[in-house]
Amino acid sequence: MSSQFLLVYASQTGQAEAIAKEEIFEQSESHGLAPAIHCLSQTDKKFDIEKEKVIVFVASTTGDGDPPDTAQKFWRRLKKKTLGKNHLKNLKYSILGLGDSNYTNFCNFSKNLNRRLLELGATPFYNVGYADDAIGLERVVEPWIDSLWNAVRKVLGLELEGQKE
């Protein structure tokens, strides 16, 4: 069984990138996992969503509920009406959304991304997390990451941590 998965981030101010790199990516090895990590702006250069099996997204929302600039190209492609309902049927995913509830469209990009992935036949393997900067991102981020490891191990077909004889 492979311990590899794709970890991608969409960041406007660097917060989603920092969480992806400094928390999820850096902790992965100690959990027996080996993600490839890329910015969503690297779509088609470094990864192809249609070929991926397991993806963890860390995505912020900017402006009035918009995707970060780094996700614009990816989002335009994903929204194409020509994509069928089975386009991403082989993809398992999870999303950690970052937002601020002081704004009307809290975590809007992550919510729209989740909705669109489902429409294209992708399957969530772990709950979507919505972290709120108004009350402290860490209140959602830390427990979400703590439980992410076994969810990833399970979807990859690996033995769960804490279940060794």
N, C-alpha and C. Protein backbone atom coordinates (compact mmCIF):
# COMPACT_ATOMS: atom_id res chain seq x y z
N MET A 1 0.84 -1.20 0.00
CA MET A 1 0.00 0.00 0.00
C MET A 1 0.87 1.25 0.00
N SER A 2 0.42 2.25 -0.73
CA SER A 2 1.18 3.49 -0.82
C SER A 2 0.78 4.44 0.31
N SER A 3 1.75 5.18 0.80
CA SER A 3 1.49 6.18 1.85
C SER A 3 1.40 7.58 1.24
N GLN A 4 1.28 7.64 -0.08
CA GLN A 4 1.28 8.93 -0.77
C GLN A 4 -0.13 9.46 -1.01
N PHE A 5 -0.24 10.77 -0.88
CA PHE A 5 -1.46 11.48 -1.24
C PHE A 5 -1.05 12.88 -1.66
N LEU A 6 -1.98 13.63 -2.23
CA LEU A 6 -1.69 14.99 -2.66
C LEU A 6 -2.24 15.97 -1.64
N LEU A 7 -1.41 16.90 -1.23
CA LEU A 7 -1.79 17.98 -0.32
C LEU A 7 -1.67 19.27 -1.12
N VAL A 8 -2.79 19.97 -1.31
CA VAL A 8 -2.77 21.21 -2.08
C VAL A 8 -3.34 22.35 -1.24
N TYR A 9 -2.83 23.54 -1.50
CA TYR A 9 -3.31 24.70 -0.77
C TYR A 9 -3.64 25.84 -1.72
N ALA A 10 -4.60 26.65 -1.30
CA ALA A 10 -5.00 27.86 -2.02
C ALA A 10 -4.98 28.98 -1.00
N SER A 11 -4.03 29.89 -1.15
CA SER A 11 -3.77 30.88 -0.13
C SER A 11 -3.71 32.28 -0.72
N GLN A 12 -4.32 33.24 -0.05
CA GLN A 12 -4.24 34.63 -0.48
C GLN A 12 -3.19 35.37 0.35
N THR A 13 -3.21 35.16 1.66
CA THR A 13 -2.31 35.89 2.55
C THR A 13 -1.21 34.99 3.12
N GLY A 14 -1.22 33.71 2.76
CA GLY A 14 -0.19 32.80 3.25
C GLY A 14 -0.63 31.89 4.38
N GLN A 15 -1.83 32.12 4.92
CA GLN A 15 -2.30 31.31 6.05
C GLN A 15 -2.53 29.85 5.66
N ALA A 16 -3.24 29.60 4.57
CA ALA A 16 -3.51 28.22 4.13
C ALA A 16 -2.20 27.53 3.75
N GLU A 17 -1.31 28.26 3.12
CA GLU A 17 0.00 27.69 2.76
C GLU A 17 0.77 27.29 4.00
N ALA A 18 0.78 28.15 5.01
CA ALA A 18 1.50 27.86 6.25
C ALA A 18 0.93 26.63 6.94
N ILE A 19 -0.38 26.51 7.00
CA ILE A 19 -1.00 25.35 7.65
C ILE A 19 -0.67 24.08 6.87
N ALA A 20 -0.75 24.16 5.54
CA ALA A 20 -0.45 22.99 4.71
C ALA A 20 1.01 22.56 4.88
N LYS A 21 1.92 23.52 4.79
CA LYS A 21 3.36 23.20 4.84
C LYS A 21 3.87 22.94 6.25
N GLU A 22 3.57 23.86 7.17
CA GLU A 22 4.18 23.82 8.49
C GLU A 22 3.47 22.90 9.47
N GLU A 23 2.24 22.54 9.18
CA GLU A 23 1.54 21.64 10.09
C GLU A 23 1.29 20.29 9.44
N ILE A 24 0.49 20.25 8.37
CA ILE A 24 0.13 18.96 7.78
C ILE A 24 1.33 18.28 7.14
N PHE A 25 2.03 18.98 6.26
CA PHE A 25 3.16 18.36 5.56
C PHE A 25 4.25 17.94 6.53
N GLU A 26 4.63 18.83 7.43
CA GLU A 26 5.72 18.53 8.37
C GLU A 26 5.39 17.39 9.33
N GLN A 27 4.12 17.22 9.68
CA GLN A 27 3.72 16.15 10.60
C GLN A 27 3.50 14.82 9.89
N SER A 28 3.33 14.85 8.58
CA SER A 28 2.95 13.65 7.82
C SER A 28 3.91 12.48 8.01
N GLU A 29 5.19 12.75 7.92
CA GLU A 29 6.18 11.67 8.01
C GLU A 29 6.08 10.92 9.33
N SER A 30 5.84 11.64 10.42
CA SER A 30 5.74 10.98 11.73
C SER A 30 4.50 10.10 11.84
N HIS A 31 3.59 10.23 10.89
CA HIS A 31 2.38 9.40 10.84
C HIS A 31 2.49 8.36 9.72
N GLY A 32 3.69 8.21 9.17
CA GLY A 32 3.92 7.20 8.14
C GLY A 32 3.35 7.57 6.78
N LEU A 33 3.18 8.86 6.53
CA LEU A 33 2.58 9.31 5.27
C LEU A 33 3.57 10.18 4.49
N ALA A 34 3.41 10.19 3.18
CA ALA A 34 4.35 10.92 2.32
C ALA A 34 3.60 11.72 1.25
N PRO A 35 3.03 12.86 1.64
CA PRO A 35 2.29 13.64 0.64
C PRO A 35 3.20 14.40 -0.32
N ALA A 36 2.70 14.59 -1.53
CA ALA A 36 3.27 15.59 -2.43
C ALA A 36 2.51 16.86 -2.12
N ILE A 37 3.19 18.00 -2.08
CA ILE A 37 2.51 19.25 -1.72
C ILE A 37 2.70 20.27 -2.84
N HIS A 38 1.59 20.92 -3.21
CA HIS A 38 1.61 21.91 -4.28
C HIS A 38 0.57 22.99 -4.01
N CYS A 39 0.82 24.15 -4.56
CA CYS A 39 -0.17 25.22 -4.58
C CYS A 39 -1.17 24.90 -5.70
N LEU A 40 -2.42 25.25 -5.51
CA LEU A 40 -3.42 25.00 -6.55
C LEU A 40 -3.08 25.71 -7.86
N SER A 41 -2.24 26.73 -7.78
CA SER A 41 -1.82 27.42 -9.01
C SER A 41 -0.95 26.52 -9.89
N GLN A 42 -0.48 25.41 -9.34
CA GLN A 42 0.37 24.48 -10.10
C GLN A 42 -0.44 23.42 -10.85
N THR A 43 -1.76 23.60 -10.91
CA THR A 43 -2.62 22.71 -11.67
C THR A 43 -2.05 22.50 -13.07
N ASP A 44 -1.96 21.28 -13.49
CA ASP A 44 -1.46 20.86 -14.80
C ASP A 44 0.06 20.93 -14.94
N LYS A 45 0.73 21.68 -14.09
CA LYS A 45 2.19 21.72 -14.14
C LYS A 45 2.76 20.63 -13.24
N LYS A 46 2.25 20.53 -12.03
CA LYS A 46 2.77 19.59 -11.04
C LYS A 46 1.80 18.45 -10.73
N PHE A 47 0.51 18.66 -11.00
CA PHE A 47 -0.48 17.62 -10.72
C PHE A 47 -1.69 17.80 -11.63
N ASP A 48 -2.45 16.73 -11.76
CA ASP A 48 -3.66 16.73 -12.58
C ASP A 48 -4.76 16.10 -11.73
N ILE A 49 -5.75 16.88 -11.35
CA ILE A 49 -6.78 16.38 -10.43
C ILE A 49 -7.47 15.13 -10.97
N GLU A 50 -7.58 15.03 -12.28
CA GLU A 50 -8.26 13.86 -12.86
C GLU A 50 -7.48 12.57 -12.63
N LYS A 51 -6.19 12.66 -12.36
CA LYS A 51 -5.35 11.48 -12.17
C LYS A 51 -5.09 11.16 -10.71
N GLU A 52 -5.50 12.04 -9.82
CA GLU A 52 -5.25 11.84 -8.40
C GLU A 52 -6.31 10.94 -7.77
N LYS A 53 -5.88 10.20 -6.76
CA LYS A 53 -6.80 9.30 -6.04
C LYS A 53 -7.23 9.89 -4.69
N VAL A 54 -6.28 10.56 -4.00
CA VAL A 54 -6.56 11.11 -2.67
C VAL A 54 -5.95 12.51 -2.58
N ILE A 55 -6.80 13.50 -2.27
CA ILE A 55 -6.34 14.87 -2.14
C ILE A 55 -6.87 15.47 -0.83
N VAL A 56 -5.99 16.19 -0.14
CA VAL A 56 -6.38 17.02 0.99
C VAL A 56 -6.17 18.47 0.55
N PHE A 57 -7.26 19.24 0.57
CA PHE A 57 -7.22 20.66 0.20
C PHE A 57 -7.17 21.50 1.47
N VAL A 58 -6.34 22.53 1.48
CA VAL A 58 -6.37 23.56 2.52
C VAL A 58 -6.60 24.85 1.75
N ALA A 59 -7.77 25.46 1.97
CA ALA A 59 -8.16 26.58 1.11
C ALA A 59 -8.75 27.73 1.91
N SER A 60 -8.28 28.92 1.59
CA SER A 60 -8.85 30.11 2.20
C SER A 60 -9.89 30.73 1.26
N THR A 61 -10.62 31.67 1.80
CA THR A 61 -11.58 32.45 1.02
C THR A 61 -11.15 33.90 1.13
N THR A 62 -11.30 34.63 0.06
CA THR A 62 -10.87 36.03 0.06
C THR A 62 -11.99 36.92 -0.48
N GLY A 63 -11.83 38.22 -0.29
CA GLY A 63 -12.81 39.17 -0.83
C GLY A 63 -14.21 38.86 -0.35
N ASP A 64 -15.15 38.84 -1.28
CA ASP A 64 -16.55 38.58 -0.95
C ASP A 64 -16.89 37.11 -1.21
N GLY A 65 -16.10 36.22 -0.60
CA GLY A 65 -16.36 34.80 -0.75
C GLY A 65 -15.68 34.18 -1.95
N ASP A 66 -14.65 34.82 -2.46
CA ASP A 66 -13.99 34.37 -3.68
C ASP A 66 -12.84 33.41 -3.39
N PRO A 67 -12.46 32.61 -4.41
CA PRO A 67 -11.26 31.80 -4.28
C PRO A 67 -10.03 32.71 -4.23
N PRO A 68 -8.97 32.29 -3.58
CA PRO A 68 -7.72 33.06 -3.62
C PRO A 68 -7.22 33.16 -5.07
N ASP A 69 -6.39 34.15 -5.34
CA ASP A 69 -5.83 34.30 -6.68
C ASP A 69 -5.14 33.02 -7.16
N THR A 70 -4.49 32.32 -6.22
CA THR A 70 -3.75 31.10 -6.59
C THR A 70 -4.67 29.97 -7.02
N ALA A 71 -5.97 30.10 -6.77
CA ALA A 71 -6.92 29.04 -7.13
C ALA A 71 -7.81 29.40 -8.31
N GLN A 72 -7.68 30.60 -8.84
CA GLN A 72 -8.59 31.07 -9.89
C GLN A 72 -8.61 30.15 -11.12
N LYS A 73 -7.45 29.80 -11.65
CA LYS A 73 -7.38 28.96 -12.85
C LYS A 73 -7.98 27.58 -12.58
N PHE A 74 -7.60 26.98 -11.46
CA PHE A 74 -8.13 25.68 -11.06
C PHE A 74 -9.65 25.73 -10.96
N TRP A 75 -10.16 26.77 -10.31
CA TRP A 75 -11.60 26.90 -10.09
C TRP A 75 -12.36 27.09 -11.40
N ARG A 76 -11.82 27.91 -12.30
CA ARG A 76 -12.47 28.10 -13.61
C ARG A 76 -12.59 26.76 -14.34
N ARG A 77 -11.56 25.97 -14.31
CA ARG A 77 -11.59 24.67 -14.99
C ARG A 77 -12.57 23.72 -14.32
N LEU A 78 -12.59 23.72 -13.01
CA LEU A 78 -13.46 22.81 -12.29
C LEU A 78 -14.94 23.16 -12.49
N LYS A 79 -15.24 24.42 -12.75
CA LYS A 79 -16.63 24.87 -12.93
C LYS A 79 -17.17 24.62 -14.33
N LYS A 80 -16.34 24.18 -15.26
CA LYS A 80 -16.81 23.98 -16.63
C LYS A 80 -18.04 23.09 -16.67
N LYS A 81 -19.05 23.55 -17.37
CA LYS A 81 -20.32 22.80 -17.45
C LYS A 81 -20.19 21.53 -18.28
N THR A 82 -19.11 21.41 -19.05
CA THR A 82 -18.92 20.21 -19.89
C THR A 82 -18.41 19.02 -19.10
N LEU A 83 -18.01 19.24 -17.84
CA LEU A 83 -17.52 18.12 -17.02
C LEU A 83 -18.71 17.30 -16.53
N GLY A 84 -18.63 16.00 -16.69
CA GLY A 84 -19.74 15.12 -16.33
C GLY A 84 -19.78 14.76 -14.86
N LYS A 85 -20.90 14.13 -14.45
CA LYS A 85 -21.09 13.80 -13.04
C LYS A 85 -20.17 12.69 -12.55
N ASN A 86 -19.46 12.02 -13.45
CA ASN A 86 -18.49 11.00 -13.05
C ASN A 86 -17.05 11.44 -13.33
N HIS A 87 -16.86 12.70 -13.63
CA HIS A 87 -15.55 13.21 -14.02
C HIS A 87 -14.47 12.91 -12.97
N LEU A 88 -14.82 13.00 -11.69
CA LEU A 88 -13.86 12.77 -10.62
C LEU A 88 -14.27 11.57 -9.75
N LYS A 89 -14.90 10.58 -10.37
CA LYS A 89 -15.44 9.45 -9.60
C LYS A 89 -14.38 8.65 -8.85
N ASN A 90 -13.12 8.74 -9.27
CA ASN A 90 -12.05 7.99 -8.60
C ASN A 90 -11.35 8.79 -7.51
N LEU A 91 -11.79 10.03 -7.29
CA LEU A 91 -11.13 10.90 -6.32
C LEU A 91 -11.78 10.82 -4.94
N LYS A 92 -10.93 10.66 -3.93
CA LYS A 92 -11.34 10.77 -2.53
C LYS A 92 -10.67 12.04 -2.01
N TYR A 93 -11.40 12.83 -1.24
CA TYR A 93 -10.86 14.13 -0.83
C TYR A 93 -11.34 14.55 0.54
N SER A 94 -10.64 15.55 1.07
CA SER A 94 -11.12 16.28 2.23
C SER A 94 -10.67 17.73 2.08
N ILE A 95 -11.35 18.60 2.79
CA ILE A 95 -11.07 20.04 2.69
C ILE A 95 -10.99 20.64 4.08
N LEU A 96 -9.96 21.45 4.29
CA LEU A 96 -9.88 22.31 5.47
C LEU A 96 -10.05 23.73 4.93
N GLY A 97 -11.19 24.33 5.23
CA GLY A 97 -11.48 25.68 4.76
C GLY A 97 -11.14 26.71 5.82
N LEU A 98 -10.54 27.81 5.39
CA LEU A 98 -10.20 28.90 6.30
C LEU A 98 -11.02 30.12 5.91
N GLY A 99 -11.59 30.76 6.91
CA GLY A 99 -12.40 31.95 6.64
C GLY A 99 -12.52 32.82 7.86
N ASP A 100 -13.40 33.79 7.79
CA ASP A 100 -13.63 34.74 8.87
C ASP A 100 -15.13 35.03 8.90
N SER A 101 -15.77 34.64 9.99
CA SER A 101 -17.22 34.79 10.09
C SER A 101 -17.67 36.25 10.21
N ASN A 102 -16.73 37.18 10.29
CA ASN A 102 -17.10 38.60 10.24
C ASN A 102 -17.53 39.00 8.83
N TYR A 103 -17.25 38.13 7.87
CA TYR A 103 -17.65 38.37 6.48
C TYR A 103 -18.87 37.53 6.15
N THR A 104 -19.72 38.03 5.27
CA THR A 104 -20.97 37.37 4.93
C THR A 104 -20.77 35.97 4.37
N ASN A 105 -19.84 35.81 3.45
CA ASN A 105 -19.64 34.53 2.78
C ASN A 105 -18.52 33.71 3.41
N PHE A 106 -18.73 33.35 4.67
CA PHE A 106 -17.73 32.60 5.45
C PHE A 106 -17.36 31.29 4.77
N CYS A 107 -16.07 31.08 4.54
CA CYS A 107 -15.53 29.85 3.93
C CYS A 107 -16.22 29.51 2.60
N ASN A 108 -16.65 30.52 1.89
CA ASN A 108 -17.43 30.31 0.68
C ASN A 108 -16.69 29.47 -0.38
N PHE A 109 -15.41 29.74 -0.59
CA PHE A 109 -14.69 28.97 -1.60
C PHE A 109 -14.64 27.49 -1.22
N SER A 110 -14.36 27.18 0.01
CA SER A 110 -14.30 25.79 0.45
C SER A 110 -15.67 25.11 0.32
N LYS A 111 -16.72 25.83 0.65
CA LYS A 111 -18.07 25.28 0.51
C LYS A 111 -18.40 25.02 -0.96
N ASN A 112 -18.05 25.97 -1.83
CA ASN A 112 -18.29 25.79 -3.27
C ASN A 112 -17.43 24.67 -3.84
N LEU A 113 -16.19 24.59 -3.39
CA LEU A 113 -15.29 23.51 -3.84
C LEU A 113 -15.86 22.16 -3.45
N ASN A 114 -16.30 22.03 -2.22
CA ASN A 114 -16.90 20.78 -1.76
C ASN A 114 -18.12 20.42 -2.60
N ARG A 115 -19.00 21.37 -2.82
CA ARG A 115 -20.21 21.14 -3.62
C ARG A 115 -19.85 20.68 -5.03
N ARG A 116 -18.87 21.35 -5.64
CA ARG A 116 -18.51 21.01 -7.02
C ARG A 116 -17.82 19.65 -7.11
N LEU A 117 -16.97 19.33 -6.17
CA LEU A 117 -16.32 18.01 -6.17
C LEU A 117 -17.38 16.90 -6.07
N LEU A 118 -18.38 17.11 -5.22
CA LEU A 118 -19.47 16.13 -5.09
C LEU A 118 -20.24 16.01 -6.41
N GLU A 119 -20.53 17.15 -7.06
CA GLU A 119 -21.25 17.13 -8.34
C GLU A 119 -20.49 16.35 -9.41
N LEU A 120 -19.16 16.35 -9.31
CA LEU A 120 -18.32 15.67 -10.30
C LEU A 120 -18.00 14.23 -9.91
N GLY A 121 -18.65 13.74 -8.86
CA GLY A 121 -18.53 12.33 -8.50
C GLY A 121 -17.45 11.99 -7.50
N ALA A 122 -16.72 12.99 -7.00
CA ALA A 122 -15.69 12.73 -5.99
C ALA A 122 -16.35 12.36 -4.67
N THR A 123 -15.62 11.66 -3.82
CA THR A 123 -16.14 11.19 -2.55
C THR A 123 -15.32 11.73 -1.39
N PRO A 124 -15.96 12.39 -0.42
CA PRO A 124 -15.20 12.84 0.74
C PRO A 124 -14.82 11.64 1.61
N PHE A 125 -13.58 11.62 2.09
CA PHE A 125 -13.15 10.54 2.98
C PHE A 125 -13.06 11.00 4.43
N TYR A 126 -13.22 12.29 4.65
CA TYR A 126 -13.09 12.88 5.98
C TYR A 126 -13.88 14.17 5.97
N ASN A 127 -14.42 14.54 7.14
CA ASN A 127 -15.29 15.72 7.20
C ASN A 127 -14.57 16.99 6.76
N VAL A 128 -15.33 17.88 6.14
CA VAL A 128 -14.81 19.19 5.77
C VAL A 128 -14.72 20.02 7.05
N GLY A 129 -13.58 20.67 7.24
CA GLY A 129 -13.40 21.54 8.40
C GLY A 129 -13.51 22.99 7.98
N TYR A 130 -14.22 23.78 8.76
CA TYR A 130 -14.36 25.21 8.48
C TYR A 130 -13.79 25.98 9.67
N ALA A 131 -12.58 26.50 9.51
CA ALA A 131 -11.91 27.23 10.59
C ALA A 131 -12.21 28.72 10.48
N ASP A 132 -12.46 29.34 11.62
CA ASP A 132 -12.91 30.73 11.67
C ASP A 132 -11.85 31.62 12.32
N ASP A 133 -11.30 32.52 11.54
CA ASP A 133 -10.28 33.43 12.05
C ASP A 133 -10.85 34.38 13.10
N ALA A 134 -12.15 34.60 13.11
CA ALA A 134 -12.77 35.51 14.08
C ALA A 134 -12.67 34.95 15.51
N ILE A 135 -12.64 33.64 15.64
CA ILE A 135 -12.55 33.04 16.99
C ILE A 135 -11.23 32.31 17.20
N GLY A 136 -10.42 32.24 16.16
CA GLY A 136 -9.13 31.55 16.26
C GLY A 136 -9.14 30.30 15.39
N LEU A 137 -8.37 30.34 14.32
CA LEU A 137 -8.32 29.20 13.39
C LEU A 137 -7.96 27.90 14.09
N GLU A 138 -7.07 27.99 15.07
CA GLU A 138 -6.57 26.78 15.74
C GLU A 138 -7.67 25.97 16.43
N ARG A 139 -8.79 26.60 16.76
CA ARG A 139 -9.87 25.87 17.44
C ARG A 139 -10.45 24.78 16.56
N VAL A 140 -10.38 24.95 15.25
CA VAL A 140 -10.84 23.92 14.31
C VAL A 140 -9.64 23.21 13.69
N VAL A 141 -8.61 23.98 13.33
CA VAL A 141 -7.47 23.41 12.60
C VAL A 141 -6.79 22.29 13.38
N GLU A 142 -6.46 22.51 14.64
CA GLU A 142 -5.70 21.52 15.40
C GLU A 142 -6.45 20.19 15.57
N PRO A 143 -7.71 20.20 16.03
CA PRO A 143 -8.41 18.91 16.14
C PRO A 143 -8.67 18.26 14.77
N TRP A 144 -8.88 19.08 13.74
CA TRP A 144 -9.10 18.54 12.39
C TRP A 144 -7.86 17.79 11.93
N ILE A 145 -6.70 18.42 12.10
CA ILE A 145 -5.45 17.76 11.70
C ILE A 145 -5.19 16.52 12.55
N ASP A 146 -5.44 16.59 13.85
CA ASP A 146 -5.21 15.43 14.72
C ASP A 146 -5.97 14.20 14.26
N SER A 147 -7.18 14.39 13.76
CA SER A 147 -8.00 13.26 13.30
C SER A 147 -7.80 12.94 11.82
N LEU A 148 -7.11 13.82 11.11
CA LEU A 148 -6.87 13.61 9.68
C LEU A 148 -6.02 12.37 9.42
N TRP A 149 -5.03 12.13 10.28
CA TRP A 149 -4.05 11.08 10.00
C TRP A 149 -4.67 9.71 9.80
N ASN A 150 -5.51 9.29 10.72
CA ASN A 150 -6.13 7.97 10.55
C ASN A 150 -7.12 7.96 9.40
N ALA A 151 -7.76 9.08 9.11
CA ALA A 151 -8.66 9.14 7.96
C ALA A 151 -7.87 8.93 6.66
N VAL A 152 -6.71 9.56 6.55
CA VAL A 152 -5.86 9.37 5.37
C VAL A 152 -5.35 7.94 5.32
N ARG A 153 -4.87 7.43 6.45
CA ARG A 153 -4.35 6.06 6.49
C ARG A 153 -5.45 5.06 6.07
N LYS A 154 -6.66 5.30 6.52
CA LYS A 154 -7.77 4.39 6.18
C LYS A 154 -8.07 4.43 4.68
N VAL A 155 -8.16 5.64 4.10
CA VAL A 155 -8.50 5.74 2.68
C VAL A 155 -7.38 5.18 1.80
N LEU A 156 -6.14 5.20 2.31
CA LEU A 156 -5.01 4.64 1.57
C LEU A 156 -4.87 3.13 1.79
N GLY A 157 -5.69 2.57 2.69
CA GLY A 157 -5.63 1.14 2.96
C GLY A 157 -4.51 0.75 3.90
N LEU A 158 -4.04 1.71 4.70
CA LEU A 158 -2.95 1.45 5.65
C LEU A 158 -3.53 1.14 7.03
N GLU A 159 -2.73 0.46 7.84
CA GLU A 159 -3.14 0.16 9.21
C GLU A 159 -3.32 1.45 9.99
N LEU A 160 -4.37 1.52 10.80
CA LEU A 160 -4.64 2.73 11.56
C LEU A 160 -3.68 2.83 12.73
N GLU A 161 -3.32 4.06 13.06
CA GLU A 161 -2.44 4.30 14.20
C GLU A 161 -3.16 3.92 15.48
N GLY A 162 -2.41 3.38 16.43
CA GLY A 162 -2.99 3.00 17.71
C GLY A 162 -3.69 1.66 17.69
N GLN A 163 -3.59 0.91 16.57
CA GLN A 163 -4.25 -0.38 16.48
C GLN A 163 -3.26 -1.51 16.27
N LYS A 164 -1.97 -1.23 16.54
CA LYS A 164 -0.96 -2.27 16.39
C LYS A 164 -1.04 -3.21 17.57
N GLU A 165 -0.82 -4.48 17.30
CA GLU A 165 -0.88 -5.50 18.36
C GLU A 165 0.36 -5.42 19.23
